[in-house]
Amino acid sequence: MKKLTFLLLLIPFLGYAQLDSTQWMGGGSATGNVTNIADTYAYNFSLEPQAGFFLSPSHIVGLQGAVGFASQGNSYSGVGFYRYLYFLNPSMALMGQAELGYLYRETVSVFDGSKTTFQGLRFGAKGGISSFLAPNISLDTFLYYDANNSYGISPKSGESAPTLEQNFGLGVGFQIYF
């Protein structure tokens, strides 16, 4: 186990990227955060598969889905993204990503069990480091900002005015370039 841990820590510094001939990116990421709201902790965790197409060796556009699990309910979204890679050396790049798309979210009241659905615009950004474990495989670590401007539909109160919900947290991703 110690050898595997050492190898995983050493490989990003020995690897190199060869993205000149690649055309596609596939992979995904996981994000999460914990928030203290009114002396109670709330969590948010999301799995985000993605596929992208290279416009040039550093510019990628694509689609990303997301399934989110939170203490107040689940969410589902589909977004388009733009990713930029700035290579610091052959095995490490700064990564920036912007996202824009649609969100659907459900919450269940802890008081009476009633369900409220939310839908609206989702937008966000990610910034971090892509460490290349092999010529076409990267491990991403990043900070993210995720927000949505959605309106709620409740069986009791009908449609609500749009509200802005914001999250900030830490994420990891794994990408294959082919």
N, C-alpha and C. Protein backbone atom coordinates (compact mmCIF):
# COMPACT_ATOMS: atom_id res chain seq x y z
N MET A 1 0.81 -1.19 0.00
CA MET A 1 0.00 0.00 0.00
C MET A 1 0.86 1.26 0.00
N LYS A 2 1.98 1.22 0.74
CA LYS A 2 2.87 2.38 0.79
C LYS A 2 3.48 2.65 -0.58
N LYS A 3 3.81 1.57 -1.32
CA LYS A 3 4.39 1.73 -2.65
C LYS A 3 3.38 2.36 -3.60
N LEU A 4 2.13 1.93 -3.50
CA LEU A 4 1.08 2.49 -4.37
C LEU A 4 0.87 3.97 -4.06
N THR A 5 0.83 4.34 -2.79
CA THR A 5 0.67 5.74 -2.40
C THR A 5 1.84 6.57 -2.91
N PHE A 6 3.05 6.07 -2.73
CA PHE A 6 4.24 6.79 -3.21
C PHE A 6 4.20 6.96 -4.72
N LEU A 7 3.80 5.90 -5.44
CA LEU A 7 3.72 5.97 -6.90
C LEU A 7 2.68 6.98 -7.35
N LEU A 8 1.52 7.01 -6.70
CA LEU A 8 0.48 7.97 -7.05
C LEU A 8 0.91 9.42 -6.80
N LEU A 9 1.71 9.63 -5.77
CA LEU A 9 2.21 10.98 -5.50
C LEU A 9 3.35 11.38 -6.44
N LEU A 10 4.13 10.42 -6.91
CA LEU A 10 5.29 10.70 -7.75
C LEU A 10 4.93 10.83 -9.23
N ILE A 11 3.95 10.09 -9.70
CA ILE A 11 3.63 10.05 -11.13
C ILE A 11 3.31 11.42 -11.72
N PRO A 12 2.53 12.29 -11.05
CA PRO A 12 2.25 13.59 -11.69
C PRO A 12 3.50 14.40 -12.03
N PHE A 13 4.58 14.20 -11.32
CA PHE A 13 5.79 14.96 -11.59
C PHE A 13 6.66 14.29 -12.66
N LEU A 14 6.41 13.02 -12.96
CA LEU A 14 7.16 12.32 -13.98
C LEU A 14 6.40 12.22 -15.29
N GLY A 15 5.12 12.49 -15.27
CA GLY A 15 4.29 12.36 -16.46
C GLY A 15 4.49 13.51 -17.42
N TYR A 16 3.84 13.40 -18.57
CA TYR A 16 3.89 14.47 -19.55
C TYR A 16 2.62 14.41 -20.38
N ALA A 17 2.26 15.54 -20.91
CA ALA A 17 1.04 15.64 -21.70
C ALA A 17 1.38 15.72 -23.17
N GLN A 18 0.63 15.02 -23.99
CA GLN A 18 0.76 15.09 -25.44
C GLN A 18 -0.62 15.34 -26.01
N LEU A 19 -1.08 16.56 -25.92
CA LEU A 19 -2.44 16.88 -26.33
C LEU A 19 -2.52 17.47 -27.74
N ASP A 20 -1.41 17.53 -28.46
CA ASP A 20 -1.42 18.13 -29.79
C ASP A 20 -2.29 17.36 -30.78
N SER A 21 -2.33 16.02 -30.66
CA SER A 21 -3.07 15.22 -31.63
C SER A 21 -4.43 14.75 -31.09
N THR A 22 -4.81 15.14 -29.91
CA THR A 22 -6.08 14.70 -29.35
C THR A 22 -7.22 15.58 -29.86
N GLN A 23 -8.43 14.99 -29.88
CA GLN A 23 -9.60 15.72 -30.33
C GLN A 23 -10.72 15.69 -29.30
N TRP A 24 -10.71 14.73 -28.38
CA TRP A 24 -11.81 14.57 -27.44
C TRP A 24 -11.30 14.46 -26.01
N MET A 25 -12.14 14.84 -25.07
CA MET A 25 -11.87 14.69 -23.65
C MET A 25 -13.09 14.01 -23.03
N GLY A 26 -12.86 13.02 -22.20
CA GLY A 26 -13.95 12.35 -21.49
C GLY A 26 -13.53 12.11 -20.06
N GLY A 27 -14.47 12.14 -19.16
CA GLY A 27 -14.14 11.91 -17.76
C GLY A 27 -15.21 12.47 -16.87
N GLY A 28 -14.80 13.01 -15.76
CA GLY A 28 -15.76 13.58 -14.84
C GLY A 28 -15.10 14.09 -13.60
N SER A 29 -15.92 14.59 -12.70
CA SER A 29 -15.41 15.13 -11.45
C SER A 29 -16.42 14.92 -10.34
N ALA A 30 -15.96 15.12 -9.14
CA ALA A 30 -16.81 15.08 -7.94
C ALA A 30 -16.53 16.34 -7.15
N THR A 31 -17.59 17.01 -6.71
CA THR A 31 -17.44 18.23 -5.93
C THR A 31 -18.22 18.11 -4.63
N GLY A 32 -17.84 18.91 -3.66
CA GLY A 32 -18.57 18.88 -2.40
C GLY A 32 -18.23 20.05 -1.51
N ASN A 33 -19.16 20.34 -0.61
CA ASN A 33 -18.93 21.37 0.40
C ASN A 33 -19.82 21.11 1.61
N VAL A 34 -19.46 21.72 2.71
CA VAL A 34 -20.24 21.66 3.94
C VAL A 34 -20.44 23.10 4.39
N THR A 35 -21.68 23.45 4.73
CA THR A 35 -22.02 24.81 5.10
C THR A 35 -22.68 24.81 6.47
N ASN A 36 -22.42 25.84 7.25
CA ASN A 36 -23.08 26.00 8.54
C ASN A 36 -24.22 27.00 8.36
N ILE A 37 -25.45 26.52 8.43
CA ILE A 37 -26.62 27.37 8.26
C ILE A 37 -27.41 27.33 9.56
N ALA A 38 -27.52 28.46 10.23
CA ALA A 38 -28.29 28.59 11.47
C ALA A 38 -27.90 27.52 12.47
N ASP A 39 -26.60 27.41 12.74
CA ASP A 39 -26.04 26.45 13.70
C ASP A 39 -26.33 25.00 13.34
N THR A 40 -26.59 24.71 12.08
CA THR A 40 -26.79 23.36 11.58
C THR A 40 -25.92 23.19 10.34
N TYR A 41 -25.30 22.02 10.20
CA TYR A 41 -24.46 21.78 9.05
C TYR A 41 -25.28 21.20 7.90
N ALA A 42 -25.07 21.75 6.71
CA ALA A 42 -25.70 21.25 5.49
C ALA A 42 -24.59 20.83 4.53
N TYR A 43 -24.80 19.76 3.80
CA TYR A 43 -23.79 19.29 2.86
C TYR A 43 -24.34 19.30 1.45
N ASN A 44 -23.42 19.31 0.49
CA ASN A 44 -23.76 19.26 -0.92
C ASN A 44 -22.66 18.47 -1.60
N PHE A 45 -23.01 17.41 -2.32
CA PHE A 45 -22.06 16.55 -3.01
C PHE A 45 -22.59 16.29 -4.42
N SER A 46 -21.72 16.35 -5.44
CA SER A 46 -22.17 16.22 -6.82
C SER A 46 -21.21 15.37 -7.63
N LEU A 47 -21.74 14.51 -8.50
CA LEU A 47 -20.97 13.74 -9.48
C LEU A 47 -21.27 14.32 -10.85
N GLU A 48 -20.20 14.60 -11.63
CA GLU A 48 -20.37 15.34 -12.88
C GLU A 48 -19.61 14.68 -14.04
N PRO A 49 -20.24 13.77 -14.80
CA PRO A 49 -19.58 13.24 -16.00
C PRO A 49 -19.55 14.30 -17.09
N GLN A 50 -18.50 14.28 -17.92
CA GLN A 50 -18.39 15.28 -18.98
C GLN A 50 -17.68 14.73 -20.21
N ALA A 51 -18.01 15.33 -21.36
CA ALA A 51 -17.37 15.02 -22.63
C ALA A 51 -17.13 16.33 -23.35
N GLY A 52 -15.94 16.47 -23.94
CA GLY A 52 -15.60 17.71 -24.61
C GLY A 52 -14.83 17.50 -25.89
N PHE A 53 -14.80 18.53 -26.71
CA PHE A 53 -14.11 18.53 -28.00
C PHE A 53 -13.07 19.64 -28.00
N PHE A 54 -11.87 19.35 -28.49
CA PHE A 54 -10.79 20.33 -28.53
C PHE A 54 -10.98 21.28 -29.71
N LEU A 55 -10.97 22.57 -29.43
CA LEU A 55 -10.93 23.58 -30.48
C LEU A 55 -9.48 23.85 -30.88
N SER A 56 -8.56 23.72 -29.92
CA SER A 56 -7.12 23.83 -30.12
C SER A 56 -6.48 23.04 -28.96
N PRO A 57 -5.16 22.90 -28.89
CA PRO A 57 -4.56 22.11 -27.81
C PRO A 57 -4.88 22.59 -26.39
N SER A 58 -5.35 23.80 -26.21
CA SER A 58 -5.64 24.31 -24.87
C SER A 58 -7.10 24.70 -24.65
N HIS A 59 -7.92 24.70 -25.67
CA HIS A 59 -9.31 25.15 -25.58
C HIS A 59 -10.26 23.98 -25.83
N ILE A 60 -11.16 23.73 -24.87
CA ILE A 60 -12.08 22.60 -24.95
C ILE A 60 -13.50 23.11 -24.69
N VAL A 61 -14.46 22.66 -25.49
CA VAL A 61 -15.88 22.93 -25.24
C VAL A 61 -16.59 21.59 -25.14
N GLY A 62 -17.68 21.55 -24.37
CA GLY A 62 -18.38 20.28 -24.24
C GLY A 62 -19.63 20.37 -23.40
N LEU A 63 -20.13 19.19 -23.03
CA LEU A 63 -21.34 19.05 -22.22
C LEU A 63 -21.02 18.31 -20.94
N GLN A 64 -21.70 18.70 -19.89
CA GLN A 64 -21.50 18.09 -18.57
C GLN A 64 -22.86 17.87 -17.92
N GLY A 65 -23.07 16.70 -17.39
CA GLY A 65 -24.26 16.42 -16.60
C GLY A 65 -23.86 16.45 -15.14
N ALA A 66 -24.83 16.53 -14.26
CA ALA A 66 -24.52 16.51 -12.83
C ALA A 66 -25.69 15.92 -12.06
N VAL A 67 -25.35 15.08 -11.10
CA VAL A 67 -26.32 14.56 -10.14
C VAL A 67 -25.83 14.99 -8.77
N GLY A 68 -26.62 15.80 -8.08
CA GLY A 68 -26.22 16.33 -6.79
C GLY A 68 -27.02 15.74 -5.65
N PHE A 69 -26.35 15.49 -4.55
CA PHE A 69 -26.98 14.98 -3.34
C PHE A 69 -26.71 16.00 -2.24
N ALA A 70 -27.76 16.47 -1.61
CA ALA A 70 -27.60 17.49 -0.57
C ALA A 70 -28.49 17.13 0.61
N SER A 71 -28.21 17.76 1.74
CA SER A 71 -29.01 17.49 2.93
C SER A 71 -30.44 17.96 2.76
N GLN A 72 -30.69 18.90 1.86
CA GLN A 72 -32.05 19.40 1.66
C GLN A 72 -32.73 18.82 0.42
N GLY A 73 -32.06 17.95 -0.36
CA GLY A 73 -32.69 17.33 -1.52
C GLY A 73 -31.69 17.06 -2.63
N ASN A 74 -32.16 16.45 -3.71
CA ASN A 74 -31.32 16.08 -4.84
C ASN A 74 -31.47 17.08 -5.98
N SER A 75 -30.44 17.15 -6.84
CA SER A 75 -30.50 18.05 -7.99
C SER A 75 -29.93 17.34 -9.22
N TYR A 76 -30.38 17.79 -10.37
CA TYR A 76 -29.95 17.25 -11.66
C TYR A 76 -29.74 18.43 -12.59
N SER A 77 -28.66 18.38 -13.38
CA SER A 77 -28.43 19.50 -14.29
C SER A 77 -27.67 19.03 -15.52
N GLY A 78 -27.80 19.82 -16.55
CA GLY A 78 -27.05 19.65 -17.78
C GLY A 78 -26.51 21.01 -18.19
N VAL A 79 -25.21 21.10 -18.42
CA VAL A 79 -24.60 22.39 -18.74
C VAL A 79 -23.62 22.23 -19.90
N GLY A 80 -23.40 23.32 -20.60
CA GLY A 80 -22.31 23.41 -21.55
C GLY A 80 -21.12 24.01 -20.82
N PHE A 81 -19.90 23.64 -21.23
CA PHE A 81 -18.73 24.19 -20.56
C PHE A 81 -17.66 24.58 -21.57
N TYR A 82 -16.80 25.49 -21.11
CA TYR A 82 -15.59 25.88 -21.83
C TYR A 82 -14.44 25.70 -20.85
N ARG A 83 -13.40 24.97 -21.26
CA ARG A 83 -12.23 24.71 -20.41
C ARG A 83 -10.98 25.21 -21.12
N TYR A 84 -10.09 25.84 -20.34
CA TYR A 84 -8.80 26.30 -20.85
C TYR A 84 -7.69 25.67 -20.02
N LEU A 85 -6.66 25.16 -20.69
CA LEU A 85 -5.48 24.60 -20.02
C LEU A 85 -4.27 25.46 -20.33
N TYR A 86 -3.57 25.91 -19.30
CA TYR A 86 -2.33 26.68 -19.45
C TYR A 86 -1.21 25.83 -18.85
N PHE A 87 -0.32 25.32 -19.71
CA PHE A 87 0.71 24.39 -19.27
C PHE A 87 1.85 25.12 -18.57
N LEU A 88 2.11 24.72 -17.33
CA LEU A 88 3.25 25.23 -16.56
C LEU A 88 4.51 24.47 -16.92
N ASN A 89 4.37 23.19 -17.14
CA ASN A 89 5.43 22.31 -17.62
C ASN A 89 4.73 21.14 -18.31
N PRO A 90 5.46 20.20 -18.90
CA PRO A 90 4.79 19.14 -19.66
C PRO A 90 3.87 18.24 -18.83
N SER A 91 4.00 18.23 -17.52
CA SER A 91 3.16 17.34 -16.72
C SER A 91 2.13 18.06 -15.86
N MET A 92 2.06 19.39 -15.92
CA MET A 92 1.15 20.12 -15.05
C MET A 92 0.60 21.35 -15.77
N ALA A 93 -0.72 21.56 -15.62
CA ALA A 93 -1.35 22.71 -16.27
C ALA A 93 -2.33 23.36 -15.30
N LEU A 94 -2.46 24.67 -15.43
CA LEU A 94 -3.54 25.38 -14.73
C LEU A 94 -4.81 25.16 -15.54
N MET A 95 -5.91 24.93 -14.86
CA MET A 95 -7.17 24.64 -15.52
C MET A 95 -8.21 25.64 -15.07
N GLY A 96 -8.93 26.19 -16.03
CA GLY A 96 -10.06 27.06 -15.74
C GLY A 96 -11.25 26.61 -16.55
N GLN A 97 -12.43 26.63 -15.95
CA GLN A 97 -13.62 26.16 -16.65
C GLN A 97 -14.81 27.03 -16.29
N ALA A 98 -15.61 27.39 -17.29
CA ALA A 98 -16.86 28.14 -17.09
C ALA A 98 -18.01 27.25 -17.56
N GLU A 99 -19.16 27.33 -16.85
CA GLU A 99 -20.30 26.46 -17.12
C GLU A 99 -21.60 27.27 -17.14
N LEU A 100 -22.53 26.85 -17.99
CA LEU A 100 -23.83 27.49 -18.08
C LEU A 100 -24.84 26.46 -18.58
N GLY A 101 -26.00 26.35 -17.90
CA GLY A 101 -27.00 25.38 -18.32
C GLY A 101 -28.26 25.40 -17.49
N TYR A 102 -28.91 24.24 -17.37
CA TYR A 102 -30.23 24.07 -16.75
C TYR A 102 -30.12 23.23 -15.49
N LEU A 103 -30.93 23.55 -14.47
CA LEU A 103 -30.95 22.82 -13.21
C LEU A 103 -32.38 22.44 -12.83
N TYR A 104 -32.54 21.22 -12.30
CA TYR A 104 -33.79 20.77 -11.70
C TYR A 104 -33.44 20.23 -10.32
N ARG A 105 -34.15 20.69 -9.28
CA ARG A 105 -33.84 20.29 -7.90
C ARG A 105 -35.12 20.02 -7.14
N GLU A 106 -35.07 19.04 -6.23
CA GLU A 106 -36.20 18.70 -5.37
C GLU A 106 -35.79 18.82 -3.91
N THR A 107 -36.67 19.38 -3.10
CA THR A 107 -36.43 19.42 -1.65
C THR A 107 -37.66 18.86 -0.95
N VAL A 108 -37.41 18.28 0.20
CA VAL A 108 -38.49 17.72 1.02
C VAL A 108 -38.47 18.45 2.36
N SER A 109 -39.63 18.95 2.77
CA SER A 109 -39.74 19.68 4.03
C SER A 109 -39.55 18.73 5.21
N VAL A 110 -38.76 19.16 6.19
CA VAL A 110 -38.58 18.36 7.40
C VAL A 110 -39.78 18.50 8.33
N PHE A 111 -40.63 19.48 8.09
CA PHE A 111 -41.78 19.71 8.96
C PHE A 111 -42.97 18.85 8.58
N ASP A 112 -43.35 18.87 7.30
CA ASP A 112 -44.55 18.13 6.92
C ASP A 112 -44.32 17.15 5.78
N GLY A 113 -43.10 17.01 5.28
CA GLY A 113 -42.80 16.06 4.22
C GLY A 113 -43.22 16.49 2.84
N SER A 114 -43.67 17.73 2.67
CA SER A 114 -44.09 18.19 1.34
C SER A 114 -42.87 18.40 0.44
N LYS A 115 -43.07 18.15 -0.85
CA LYS A 115 -41.99 18.25 -1.82
C LYS A 115 -42.13 19.54 -2.63
N THR A 116 -41.01 20.25 -2.77
CA THR A 116 -40.96 21.45 -3.59
C THR A 116 -39.93 21.20 -4.69
N THR A 117 -40.27 21.53 -5.92
CA THR A 117 -39.33 21.39 -7.03
C THR A 117 -38.85 22.78 -7.46
N PHE A 118 -37.61 22.83 -7.89
CA PHE A 118 -36.99 24.07 -8.37
C PHE A 118 -36.42 23.80 -9.75
N GLN A 119 -36.52 24.77 -10.63
CA GLN A 119 -35.85 24.68 -11.92
C GLN A 119 -35.43 26.06 -12.37
N GLY A 120 -34.34 26.08 -13.12
CA GLY A 120 -33.83 27.38 -13.56
C GLY A 120 -32.45 27.30 -14.15
N LEU A 121 -31.78 28.43 -14.19
CA LEU A 121 -30.47 28.60 -14.79
C LEU A 121 -29.37 28.21 -13.79
N ARG A 122 -28.40 27.40 -14.24
CA ARG A 122 -27.24 27.04 -13.42
C ARG A 122 -26.00 27.58 -14.10
N PHE A 123 -25.11 28.18 -13.33
CA PHE A 123 -23.85 28.69 -13.85
C PHE A 123 -22.76 28.49 -12.81
N GLY A 124 -21.50 28.47 -13.26
CA GLY A 124 -20.42 28.27 -12.32
C GLY A 124 -19.06 28.36 -12.97
N ALA A 125 -18.04 28.16 -12.15
CA ALA A 125 -16.65 28.21 -12.61
C ALA A 125 -15.80 27.29 -11.75
N LYS A 126 -14.74 26.77 -12.35
CA LYS A 126 -13.77 25.93 -11.66
C LYS A 126 -12.38 26.44 -11.99
N GLY A 127 -11.49 26.39 -11.03
CA GLY A 127 -10.10 26.78 -11.26
C GLY A 127 -9.19 25.91 -10.43
N GLY A 128 -8.14 25.35 -11.04
CA GLY A 128 -7.24 24.49 -10.30
C GLY A 128 -6.09 24.00 -11.13
N ILE A 129 -5.60 22.81 -10.78
CA ILE A 129 -4.42 22.23 -11.42
C ILE A 129 -4.77 20.88 -12.02
N SER A 130 -4.32 20.65 -13.27
CA SER A 130 -4.42 19.35 -13.92
C SER A 130 -3.04 18.71 -13.90
N SER A 131 -2.90 17.59 -13.19
CA SER A 131 -1.63 16.86 -13.13
C SER A 131 -1.75 15.66 -14.07
N PHE A 132 -0.84 15.56 -15.03
CA PHE A 132 -0.92 14.48 -16.02
C PHE A 132 -0.21 13.25 -15.48
N LEU A 133 -0.99 12.18 -15.26
CA LEU A 133 -0.47 10.92 -14.77
C LEU A 133 0.18 10.12 -15.89
N ALA A 134 -0.26 10.34 -17.11
CA ALA A 134 0.25 9.70 -18.32
C ALA A 134 0.08 10.73 -19.44
N PRO A 135 0.56 10.44 -20.63
CA PRO A 135 0.46 11.45 -21.69
C PRO A 135 -0.96 11.96 -21.96
N ASN A 136 -1.97 11.13 -21.79
CA ASN A 136 -3.34 11.53 -22.10
C ASN A 136 -4.31 11.35 -20.95
N ILE A 137 -3.82 11.32 -19.72
CA ILE A 137 -4.68 11.14 -18.54
C ILE A 137 -4.30 12.18 -17.50
N SER A 138 -5.31 12.91 -16.99
CA SER A 138 -5.01 13.92 -15.98
C SER A 138 -5.89 13.74 -14.74
N LEU A 139 -5.33 14.15 -13.63
CA LEU A 139 -6.04 14.21 -12.36
C LEU A 139 -6.17 15.69 -12.04
N ASP A 140 -7.42 16.16 -11.90
CA ASP A 140 -7.68 17.57 -11.65
C ASP A 140 -8.05 17.79 -10.19
N THR A 141 -7.49 18.82 -9.58
CA THR A 141 -7.92 19.29 -8.26
C THR A 141 -8.25 20.77 -8.42
N PHE A 142 -9.40 21.18 -7.88
CA PHE A 142 -9.85 22.53 -8.15
C PHE A 142 -10.77 23.05 -7.06
N LEU A 143 -10.89 24.36 -7.02
CA LEU A 143 -11.92 25.05 -6.25
C LEU A 143 -13.04 25.37 -7.23
N TYR A 144 -14.28 25.38 -6.74
CA TYR A 144 -15.38 25.68 -7.65
C TYR A 144 -16.35 26.66 -7.02
N TYR A 145 -17.03 27.36 -7.90
CA TYR A 145 -18.15 28.23 -7.54
C TYR A 145 -19.32 27.75 -8.40
N ASP A 146 -20.44 27.48 -7.75
CA ASP A 146 -21.60 26.96 -8.45
C ASP A 146 -22.81 27.73 -7.96
N ALA A 147 -23.63 28.21 -8.87
CA ALA A 147 -24.82 28.98 -8.48
C ALA A 147 -25.98 28.63 -9.39
N ASN A 148 -27.17 28.86 -8.89
CA ASN A 148 -28.35 28.69 -9.74
C ASN A 148 -29.37 29.74 -9.36
N ASN A 149 -30.06 30.21 -10.37
CA ASN A 149 -31.14 31.17 -10.20
C ASN A 149 -32.41 30.43 -10.59
N SER A 150 -33.11 29.89 -9.58
CA SER A 150 -34.24 29.02 -9.86
C SER A 150 -35.48 29.48 -9.11
N TYR A 151 -36.62 29.06 -9.61
CA TYR A 151 -37.89 29.34 -8.94
C TYR A 151 -38.48 28.02 -8.47
N GLY A 152 -39.18 28.07 -7.36
CA GLY A 152 -39.76 26.88 -6.77
C GLY A 152 -41.22 26.71 -7.11
N ILE A 153 -41.66 25.44 -7.17
CA ILE A 153 -43.06 25.11 -7.38
C ILE A 153 -43.46 24.17 -6.26
N SER A 154 -44.38 24.63 -5.42
CA SER A 154 -44.84 23.87 -4.27
C SER A 154 -46.32 23.58 -4.40
N PRO A 155 -46.77 22.38 -4.00
CA PRO A 155 -48.20 22.09 -4.06
C PRO A 155 -49.03 23.02 -3.16
N LYS A 156 -48.43 23.50 -2.09
CA LYS A 156 -49.17 24.35 -1.14
C LYS A 156 -49.18 25.82 -1.56
N SER A 157 -48.02 26.34 -1.97
CA SER A 157 -47.94 27.78 -2.21
C SER A 157 -47.79 28.16 -3.68
N GLY A 158 -47.72 27.20 -4.59
CA GLY A 158 -47.59 27.52 -6.01
C GLY A 158 -46.18 27.91 -6.38
N GLU A 159 -46.05 28.79 -7.38
CA GLU A 159 -44.74 29.19 -7.90
C GLU A 159 -44.18 30.36 -7.10
N SER A 160 -42.88 30.26 -6.75
CA SER A 160 -42.22 31.33 -6.00
C SER A 160 -41.41 32.21 -6.94
N ALA A 161 -40.98 33.33 -6.42
CA ALA A 161 -40.08 34.21 -7.18
C ALA A 161 -38.71 33.54 -7.29
N PRO A 162 -37.95 33.85 -8.35
CA PRO A 162 -36.60 33.26 -8.48
C PRO A 162 -35.70 33.63 -7.30
N THR A 163 -34.91 32.66 -6.87
CA THR A 163 -33.94 32.88 -5.79
C THR A 163 -32.57 32.43 -6.27
N LEU A 164 -31.53 33.08 -5.75
CA LEU A 164 -30.16 32.74 -6.10
C LEU A 164 -29.57 31.88 -4.99
N GLU A 165 -29.09 30.69 -5.35
CA GLU A 165 -28.41 29.79 -4.41
C GLU A 165 -26.97 29.66 -4.87
N GLN A 166 -26.00 29.79 -3.95
CA GLN A 166 -24.59 29.76 -4.30
C GLN A 166 -23.85 28.73 -3.46
N ASN A 167 -22.88 28.04 -4.07
CA ASN A 167 -22.03 27.07 -3.38
C ASN A 167 -20.58 27.34 -3.77
N PHE A 168 -19.69 27.11 -2.83
CA PHE A 168 -18.25 27.24 -3.06
C PHE A 168 -17.61 26.05 -2.37
N GLY A 169 -16.72 25.33 -3.07
CA GLY A 169 -16.14 24.15 -2.44
C GLY A 169 -14.93 23.63 -3.18
N LEU A 170 -14.61 22.38 -2.90
CA LEU A 170 -13.43 21.70 -3.41
C LEU A 170 -13.87 20.52 -4.26
N GLY A 171 -13.13 20.25 -5.35
CA GLY A 171 -13.47 19.14 -6.22
C GLY A 171 -12.25 18.45 -6.78
N VAL A 172 -12.46 17.22 -7.25
CA VAL A 172 -11.43 16.44 -7.93
C VAL A 172 -12.03 15.88 -9.20
N GLY A 173 -11.19 15.69 -10.21
CA GLY A 173 -11.67 15.15 -11.47
C GLY A 173 -10.63 14.25 -12.11
N PHE A 174 -11.09 13.43 -13.04
CA PHE A 174 -10.24 12.51 -13.76
C PHE A 174 -10.61 12.61 -15.23
N GLN A 175 -9.66 12.94 -16.10
CA GLN A 175 -9.95 13.15 -17.52
C GLN A 175 -9.06 12.25 -18.37
N ILE A 176 -9.63 11.77 -19.47
CA ILE A 176 -8.89 11.02 -20.47
C ILE A 176 -9.00 11.80 -21.78
N TYR A 177 -7.87 12.05 -22.40
CA TYR A 177 -7.82 12.80 -23.66
C TYR A 177 -7.49 11.81 -24.78
N PHE A 178 -8.36 11.78 -25.80
CA PHE A 178 -8.14 10.83 -26.90
C PHE A 178 -8.47 11.45 -28.25
